[in-house]
Amino acid sequence: EIVGPDIRIEVDGGIDTQTTPIVVSYGADTLVAGNAIFAKTDRIAAINAIREAAE
């Protein structure tokens, strides 16, 4: 309310399927996942898993 309704909250670092629901519950709407995607062989599946965890 202080900064206005159009503010976005980004979390960069430590984002994976475990942390995604937590940061989303606190209002984050932009997530940056590096290692949780690029360390996986199937990167598409990793991205989809994080997206599902955000719902």
N, C-alpha and C. Protein backbone atom coordinates (compact mmCIF):
# COMPACT_ATOMS: atom_id res chain seq x y z
N GLU A 1 0.82 -1.20 0.00
CA GLU A 1 0.00 0.00 0.00
C GLU A 1 0.86 1.25 0.00
N ILE A 2 2.01 1.19 0.64
CA ILE A 2 2.86 2.38 0.73
C ILE A 2 3.45 2.74 -0.62
N VAL A 3 3.91 1.76 -1.37
CA VAL A 3 4.57 2.04 -2.64
C VAL A 3 3.63 2.00 -3.83
N GLY A 4 2.45 1.56 -3.64
CA GLY A 4 1.48 1.53 -4.73
C GLY A 4 1.16 0.12 -5.17
N PRO A 5 0.06 -0.04 -5.88
CA PRO A 5 -0.42 -1.37 -6.25
C PRO A 5 0.36 -2.02 -7.40
N ASP A 6 1.17 -1.25 -8.11
CA ASP A 6 1.84 -1.79 -9.30
C ASP A 6 3.27 -2.26 -9.05
N ILE A 7 3.68 -2.33 -7.81
CA ILE A 7 5.04 -2.77 -7.49
C ILE A 7 5.17 -4.27 -7.72
N ARG A 8 6.31 -4.67 -8.26
CA ARG A 8 6.59 -6.10 -8.46
C ARG A 8 7.64 -6.51 -7.44
N ILE A 9 7.57 -7.75 -7.00
CA ILE A 9 8.54 -8.28 -6.05
C ILE A 9 9.28 -9.42 -6.73
N GLU A 10 10.60 -9.26 -6.86
CA GLU A 10 11.43 -10.26 -7.52
C GLU A 10 12.32 -10.94 -6.49
N VAL A 11 12.47 -12.24 -6.63
CA VAL A 11 13.39 -13.01 -5.79
C VAL A 11 14.39 -13.67 -6.73
N ASP A 12 15.66 -13.40 -6.49
CA ASP A 12 16.74 -13.93 -7.32
C ASP A 12 17.70 -14.69 -6.42
N GLY A 13 17.74 -16.00 -6.59
CA GLY A 13 18.66 -16.82 -5.81
C GLY A 13 17.92 -17.78 -4.91
N GLY A 14 18.32 -19.03 -4.97
CA GLY A 14 17.73 -20.04 -4.10
C GLY A 14 16.35 -20.50 -4.52
N ILE A 15 15.96 -20.16 -5.73
CA ILE A 15 14.62 -20.54 -6.19
C ILE A 15 14.65 -21.96 -6.74
N ASP A 16 13.77 -22.80 -6.19
CA ASP A 16 13.58 -24.17 -6.66
C ASP A 16 12.15 -24.58 -6.32
N THR A 17 11.83 -25.83 -6.49
CA THR A 17 10.45 -26.26 -6.23
C THR A 17 10.08 -26.21 -4.76
N GLN A 18 11.06 -26.20 -3.88
CA GLN A 18 10.79 -26.12 -2.44
C GLN A 18 10.55 -24.67 -2.00
N THR A 19 11.36 -23.74 -2.52
CA THR A 19 11.27 -22.35 -2.08
C THR A 19 10.23 -21.53 -2.84
N THR A 20 9.89 -21.97 -4.04
CA THR A 20 8.93 -21.22 -4.85
C THR A 20 7.60 -20.97 -4.14
N PRO A 21 6.93 -21.98 -3.58
CA PRO A 21 5.65 -21.70 -2.92
C PRO A 21 5.79 -20.74 -1.74
N ILE A 22 6.93 -20.78 -1.08
CA ILE A 22 7.15 -19.90 0.08
C ILE A 22 7.23 -18.45 -0.36
N VAL A 23 8.09 -18.16 -1.35
CA VAL A 23 8.26 -16.76 -1.76
C VAL A 23 7.01 -16.23 -2.45
N VAL A 24 6.30 -17.10 -3.17
CA VAL A 24 5.04 -16.68 -3.80
C VAL A 24 4.01 -16.34 -2.73
N SER A 25 3.99 -17.11 -1.65
CA SER A 25 3.02 -16.83 -0.58
C SER A 25 3.30 -15.49 0.10
N TYR A 26 4.54 -15.01 0.02
CA TYR A 26 4.89 -13.71 0.57
C TYR A 26 4.73 -12.57 -0.43
N GLY A 27 4.27 -12.90 -1.64
CA GLY A 27 3.95 -11.86 -2.60
C GLY A 27 4.90 -11.74 -3.78
N ALA A 28 5.92 -12.56 -3.85
CA ALA A 28 6.83 -12.49 -5.00
C ALA A 28 6.08 -12.87 -6.26
N ASP A 29 6.30 -12.11 -7.33
CA ASP A 29 5.65 -12.42 -8.60
C ASP A 29 6.64 -12.57 -9.75
N THR A 30 7.92 -12.37 -9.46
CA THR A 30 8.96 -12.58 -10.45
C THR A 30 10.06 -13.39 -9.78
N LEU A 31 10.33 -14.58 -10.31
CA LEU A 31 11.32 -15.46 -9.71
C LEU A 31 12.45 -15.71 -10.70
N VAL A 32 13.69 -15.70 -10.21
CA VAL A 32 14.85 -15.97 -11.05
C VAL A 32 15.49 -17.25 -10.54
N ALA A 33 15.41 -18.29 -11.35
CA ALA A 33 15.97 -19.59 -10.98
C ALA A 33 17.15 -19.89 -11.89
N GLY A 34 18.29 -20.10 -11.31
CA GLY A 34 19.48 -20.42 -12.10
C GLY A 34 19.84 -21.88 -11.98
N ASN A 35 20.47 -22.22 -10.88
CA ASN A 35 20.98 -23.58 -10.67
C ASN A 35 19.87 -24.62 -10.70
N ALA A 36 18.70 -24.26 -10.23
CA ALA A 36 17.58 -25.21 -10.22
C ALA A 36 17.16 -25.62 -11.63
N ILE A 37 17.56 -24.83 -12.61
CA ILE A 37 17.26 -25.15 -14.01
C ILE A 37 18.50 -25.66 -14.74
N PHE A 38 19.58 -24.88 -14.67
CA PHE A 38 20.75 -25.17 -15.48
C PHE A 38 21.57 -26.36 -14.99
N ALA A 39 21.35 -26.79 -13.76
CA ALA A 39 22.04 -27.98 -13.25
C ALA A 39 21.31 -29.27 -13.61
N LYS A 40 20.15 -29.13 -14.22
CA LYS A 40 19.34 -30.30 -14.58
C LYS A 40 19.57 -30.69 -16.04
N THR A 41 19.47 -31.97 -16.31
CA THR A 41 19.57 -32.46 -17.68
C THR A 41 18.35 -32.07 -18.49
N ASP A 42 17.17 -32.22 -17.90
CA ASP A 42 15.92 -31.86 -18.56
C ASP A 42 15.47 -30.50 -18.04
N ARG A 43 15.94 -29.46 -18.69
CA ARG A 43 15.66 -28.09 -18.24
C ARG A 43 14.20 -27.70 -18.41
N ILE A 44 13.57 -28.21 -19.44
CA ILE A 44 12.15 -27.92 -19.65
C ILE A 44 11.33 -28.47 -18.49
N ALA A 45 11.63 -29.69 -18.08
CA ALA A 45 10.92 -30.29 -16.94
C ALA A 45 11.18 -29.50 -15.67
N ALA A 46 12.40 -29.01 -15.49
CA ALA A 46 12.73 -28.22 -14.30
C ALA A 46 11.94 -26.92 -14.28
N ILE A 47 11.85 -26.26 -15.43
CA ILE A 47 11.07 -25.02 -15.52
C ILE A 47 9.60 -25.30 -15.23
N ASN A 48 9.07 -26.34 -15.82
CA ASN A 48 7.66 -26.68 -15.60
C ASN A 48 7.39 -27.02 -14.14
N ALA A 49 8.31 -27.69 -13.48
CA ALA A 49 8.13 -28.03 -12.06
C ALA A 49 8.10 -26.78 -11.19
N ILE A 50 8.95 -25.81 -11.50
CA ILE A 50 8.95 -24.55 -10.75
C ILE A 50 7.66 -23.77 -11.01
N ARG A 51 7.23 -23.75 -12.25
CA ARG A 51 5.96 -23.08 -12.58
C ARG A 51 4.79 -23.71 -11.84
N GLU A 52 4.76 -25.03 -11.80
CA GLU A 52 3.69 -25.72 -11.07
C GLU A 52 3.75 -25.42 -9.58
N ALA A 53 4.95 -25.32 -9.04
CA ALA A 53 5.11 -25.02 -7.62
C ALA A 53 4.63 -23.61 -7.29
N ALA A 54 4.62 -22.74 -8.29
CA ALA A 54 4.19 -21.35 -8.08
C ALA A 54 2.67 -21.20 -8.07
N GLU A 55 1.96 -22.22 -8.52
CA GLU A 55 0.49 -22.12 -8.60
C GLU A 55 -0.18 -22.38 -7.28
